[in-house]
Amino acid sequence: MSETHKRRTGIDRLAHATAHSWHGLQAAVRHESAFRQELVLGVLLLPAAWWLGTSWLERVMLGGSVLLVLIVELLNSGIEAVVDRVSLELHELSKRAKDYGSAAVMLSLVLCGWIWAEALWARWAS
């Protein structure tokens, strides 16, 4: 790490961290089709969470499950980028790392779907 990075504190550090986070989101939108698809879903579902949820807890669960999918997708994309950066050669450990990331995305999608299905059921079945 450079001396400039080590000296950053407070607001300056926060500003640089925020810029890096923004660049990461832009890169994900530009290079990751799965992230783009989930982002479109998120743009539709986040406002729907306010309508569907009947309490702050339900709204947090609905919206949080959508954000969790996006977070896990970003982490999975990061794993894939590092694995590809190290080597494009087929290797069992590379495959395993990518499969673990993919499984994490799948589980976050299952959780999100489950939460939304329960909320919809509670809203219309009662």
C-alpha atoms as a PDB file:
ATOM      1  CA  MET A   1       0.000   0.000   0.000  1.00  0.00           C
ATOM      2  CA  SER A   2       1.352   3.420  -0.870  1.00  0.00           C
ATOM      3  CA  GLU A   3       2.131   6.091   1.707  1.00  0.00           C
ATOM      4  CA  THR A   4      -0.733   8.225   0.360  1.00  0.00           C
ATOM      5  CA  HIS A   5      -3.246   5.459   1.125  1.00  0.00           C
ATOM      6  CA  LYS A   6      -1.867   4.964   4.637  1.00  0.00           C
ATOM      7  CA  ARG A   7      -2.178   8.666   5.468  1.00  0.00           C
ATOM      8  CA  ARG A   8      -5.839   8.967   4.501  1.00  0.00           C
ATOM      9  CA  THR A   9      -8.143   9.309   7.474  1.00  0.00           C
ATOM     10  CA  GLY A  10     -11.604  10.556   8.279  1.00  0.00           C
ATOM     11  CA  ILE A  11     -13.607  12.215   5.538  1.00  0.00           C
ATOM     12  CA  ASP A  12     -10.802  11.848   2.963  1.00  0.00           C
ATOM     13  CA  ARG A  13     -10.689   8.093   3.514  1.00  0.00           C
ATOM     14  CA  LEU A  14     -14.480   7.870   3.367  1.00  0.00           C
ATOM     15  CA  ALA A  15     -14.572   9.876   0.125  1.00  0.00           C
ATOM     16  CA  HIS A  16     -12.009   7.607  -1.535  1.00  0.00           C
ATOM     17  CA  ALA A  17     -13.734   4.458  -0.291  1.00  0.00           C
ATOM     18  CA  THR A  18     -17.050   5.748  -1.640  1.00  0.00           C
ATOM     19  CA  ALA A  19     -15.453   6.472  -5.025  1.00  0.00           C
ATOM     20  CA  HIS A  20     -14.029   2.931  -5.164  1.00  0.00           C
ATOM     21  CA  SER A  21     -17.441   1.501  -4.274  1.00  0.00           C
ATOM     22  CA  TRP A  22     -19.106   3.582  -7.001  1.00  0.00           C
ATOM     23  CA  HIS A  23     -16.503   2.395  -9.533  1.00  0.00           C
ATOM     24  CA  GLY A  24     -17.210  -1.195  -8.474  1.00  0.00           C
ATOM     25  CA  LEU A  25     -20.930  -0.764  -9.069  1.00  0.00           C
ATOM     26  CA  GLN A  26     -20.283   0.840 -12.453  1.00  0.00           C
ATOM     27  CA  ALA A  27     -17.951  -2.011 -13.444  1.00  0.00           C
ATOM     28  CA  ALA A  28     -20.529  -4.602 -12.371  1.00  0.00           C
ATOM     29  CA  VAL A  29     -23.222  -2.927 -14.449  1.00  0.00           C
ATOM     30  CA  ARG A  30     -20.875  -2.677 -17.421  1.00  0.00           C
ATOM     31  CA  HIS A  31     -19.348  -6.174 -17.296  1.00  0.00           C
ATOM     32  CA  GLU A  32     -21.725  -8.518 -15.438  1.00  0.00           C
ATOM     33  CA  SER A  33     -24.974  -9.458 -17.165  1.00  0.00           C
ATOM     34  CA  ALA A  34     -26.249 -11.396 -14.122  1.00  0.00           C
ATOM     35  CA  PHE A  35     -25.755  -8.299 -11.959  1.00  0.00           C
ATOM     36  CA  ARG A  36     -27.617  -6.163 -14.514  1.00  0.00           C
ATOM     37  CA  GLN A  37     -30.535  -8.615 -14.525  1.00  0.00           C
ATOM     38  CA  GLU A  38     -30.686  -8.727 -10.738  1.00  0.00           C
ATOM     39  CA  LEU A  39     -30.385  -4.944 -10.575  1.00  0.00           C
ATOM     40  CA  VAL A  40     -33.424  -4.568 -12.854  1.00  0.00           C
ATOM     41  CA  LEU A  41     -35.281  -6.990 -10.602  1.00  0.00           C
ATOM     42  CA  GLY A  42     -34.159  -4.944  -7.600  1.00  0.00           C
ATOM     43  CA  VAL A  43     -35.333  -1.680  -9.140  1.00  0.00           C
ATOM     44  CA  LEU A  44     -38.772  -3.261  -9.538  1.00  0.00           C
ATOM     45  CA  LEU A  45     -38.913  -5.088  -6.207  1.00  0.00           C
ATOM     46  CA  LEU A  46     -37.536  -2.453  -3.838  1.00  0.00           C
ATOM     47  CA  PRO A  47     -40.479  -0.064  -4.339  1.00  0.00           C
ATOM     48  CA  ALA A  48     -42.832  -3.060  -4.217  1.00  0.00           C
ATOM     49  CA  ALA A  49     -41.421  -3.913  -0.778  1.00  0.00           C
ATOM     50  CA  TRP A  50     -42.888  -0.671   0.572  1.00  0.00           C
ATOM     51  CA  TRP A  51     -46.293  -1.581  -0.845  1.00  0.00           C
ATOM     52  CA  LEU A  52     -46.273  -5.275   0.116  1.00  0.00           C
ATOM     53  CA  GLY A  53     -44.771  -4.971   3.575  1.00  0.00           C
ATOM     54  CA  THR A  54     -47.200  -4.083   6.320  1.00  0.00           C
ATOM     55  CA  SER A  55     -44.575  -3.262   8.949  1.00  0.00           C
ATOM     56  CA  TRP A  56     -41.050  -1.909   8.983  1.00  0.00           C
ATOM     57  CA  LEU A  57     -39.786  -5.434   9.669  1.00  0.00           C
ATOM     58  CA  GLU A  58     -41.522  -6.898   6.629  1.00  0.00           C
ATOM     59  CA  ARG A  59     -40.237  -4.061   4.447  1.00  0.00           C
ATOM     60  CA  VAL A  60     -36.694  -4.607   5.712  1.00  0.00           C
ATOM     61  CA  MET A  61     -36.922  -8.350   5.076  1.00  0.00           C
ATOM     62  CA  LEU A  62     -38.287  -7.875   1.566  1.00  0.00           C
ATOM     63  CA  GLY A  63     -35.868  -5.109   0.588  1.00  0.00           C
ATOM     64  CA  GLY A  64     -32.944  -6.662   2.427  1.00  0.00           C
ATOM     65  CA  SER A  65     -33.382  -9.977   0.622  1.00  0.00           C
ATOM     66  CA  VAL A  66     -33.174  -8.163  -2.709  1.00  0.00           C
ATOM     67  CA  LEU A  67     -30.069  -6.240  -1.631  1.00  0.00           C
ATOM     68  CA  LEU A  68     -28.534  -9.487  -0.360  1.00  0.00           C
ATOM     69  CA  VAL A  69     -28.822 -10.986  -3.850  1.00  0.00           C
ATOM     70  CA  LEU A  70     -26.977  -7.983  -5.300  1.00  0.00           C
ATOM     71  CA  ILE A  71     -24.293  -8.163  -2.593  1.00  0.00           C
ATOM     72  CA  VAL A  72     -23.691 -11.875  -3.113  1.00  0.00           C
ATOM     73  CA  GLU A  73     -23.586 -11.386  -6.900  1.00  0.00           C
ATOM     74  CA  LEU A  74     -20.904  -8.702  -6.479  1.00  0.00           C
ATOM     75  CA  LEU A  75     -18.852 -11.018  -4.250  1.00  0.00           C
ATOM     76  CA  ASN A  76     -19.264 -13.856  -6.749  1.00  0.00           C
ATOM     77  CA  SER A  77     -18.159 -11.586  -9.595  1.00  0.00           C
ATOM     78  CA  GLY A  78     -15.128 -10.568  -7.530  1.00  0.00           C
ATOM     79  CA  ILE A  79     -14.192 -14.212  -6.973  1.00  0.00           C
ATOM     80  CA  GLU A  80     -14.569 -14.952 -10.673  1.00  0.00           C
ATOM     81  CA  ALA A  81     -12.436 -11.939 -11.620  1.00  0.00           C
ATOM     82  CA  VAL A  82      -9.636 -12.964  -9.257  1.00  0.00           C
ATOM     83  CA  VAL A  83      -9.712 -16.573 -10.432  1.00  0.00           C
ATOM     84  CA  ASP A  84      -9.571 -15.453 -14.073  1.00  0.00           C
ATOM     85  CA  ARG A  85      -6.797 -12.951 -13.267  1.00  0.00           C
ATOM     86  CA  VAL A  86      -4.664 -15.683 -11.711  1.00  0.00           C
ATOM     87  CA  SER A  87      -5.109 -18.068 -14.632  1.00  0.00           C
ATOM     88  CA  LEU A  88      -7.568 -18.949 -17.361  1.00  0.00           C
ATOM     89  CA  GLU A  89      -6.216 -22.499 -17.264  1.00  0.00           C
ATOM     90  CA  LEU A  90      -8.792 -25.070 -16.181  1.00  0.00           C
ATOM     91  CA  HIS A  91      -8.046 -26.132 -12.623  1.00  0.00           C
ATOM     92  CA  GLU A  92     -10.122 -27.993 -10.045  1.00  0.00           C
ATOM     93  CA  LEU A  93      -9.617 -25.322  -7.371  1.00  0.00           C
ATOM     94  CA  SER A  94     -10.608 -22.552  -9.784  1.00  0.00           C
ATOM     95  CA  LYS A  95     -13.741 -24.469 -10.714  1.00  0.00           C
ATOM     96  CA  ARG A  96     -14.543 -25.080  -7.074  1.00  0.00           C
ATOM     97  CA  ALA A  97     -14.136 -21.390  -6.183  1.00  0.00           C
ATOM     98  CA  LYS A  98     -16.417 -20.340  -9.026  1.00  0.00           C
ATOM     99  CA  ASP A  99     -18.960 -23.042  -8.162  1.00  0.00           C
ATOM    100  CA  TYR A 100     -19.008 -21.948  -4.506  1.00  0.00           C
ATOM    101  CA  GLY A 101     -19.694 -18.380  -5.582  1.00  0.00           C
ATOM    102  CA  SER A 102     -22.435 -19.518  -7.930  1.00  0.00           C
ATOM    103  CA  ALA A 103     -24.003 -21.641  -5.182  1.00  0.00           C
ATOM    104  CA  ALA A 104     -23.987 -18.620  -2.857  1.00  0.00           C
ATOM    105  CA  VAL A 105     -25.862 -16.573  -5.469  1.00  0.00           C
ATOM    106  CA  MET A 106     -28.367 -19.389  -5.939  1.00  0.00           C
ATOM    107  CA  LEU A 107     -28.991 -19.653  -2.190  1.00  0.00           C
ATOM    108  CA  SER A 108     -29.481 -15.886  -1.911  1.00  0.00           C
ATOM    109  CA  LEU A 109     -32.006 -16.052  -4.753  1.00  0.00           C
ATOM    110  CA  VAL A 110     -33.830 -18.943  -3.040  1.00  0.00           C
ATOM    111  CA  LEU A 111     -33.948 -16.961   0.207  1.00  0.00           C
ATOM    112  CA  CYS A 112     -35.212 -13.881  -1.606  1.00  0.00           C
ATOM    113  CA  GLY A 113     -37.882 -15.886  -3.429  1.00  0.00           C
ATOM    114  CA  TRP A 114     -38.958 -17.571  -0.199  1.00  0.00           C
ATOM    115  CA  ILE A 115     -39.301 -14.275   1.670  1.00  0.00           C
ATOM    116  CA  TRP A 116     -41.292 -12.700  -1.160  1.00  0.00           C
ATOM    117  CA  ALA A 117     -43.507 -15.784  -1.563  1.00  0.00           C
ATOM    118  CA  GLU A 118     -44.281 -15.779   2.176  1.00  0.00           C
ATOM    119  CA  ALA A 119     -45.089 -12.063   2.112  1.00  0.00           C
ATOM    120  CA  LEU A 120     -47.350 -12.461  -0.927  1.00  0.00           C
ATOM    121  CA  TRP A 121     -49.067 -15.447   0.659  1.00  0.00           C
ATOM    122  CA  ALA A 122     -49.646 -13.519   3.893  1.00  0.00           C
ATOM    123  CA  ARG A 123     -51.001 -10.547   1.974  1.00  0.00           C
ATOM    124  CA  TRP A 124     -53.501 -12.430  -0.218  1.00  0.00           C
ATOM    125  CA  ALA A 125     -54.301 -15.614   1.678  1.00  0.00           C
ATOM    126  CA  SER A 126     -55.694 -13.880   4.733  1.00  0.00           C
END
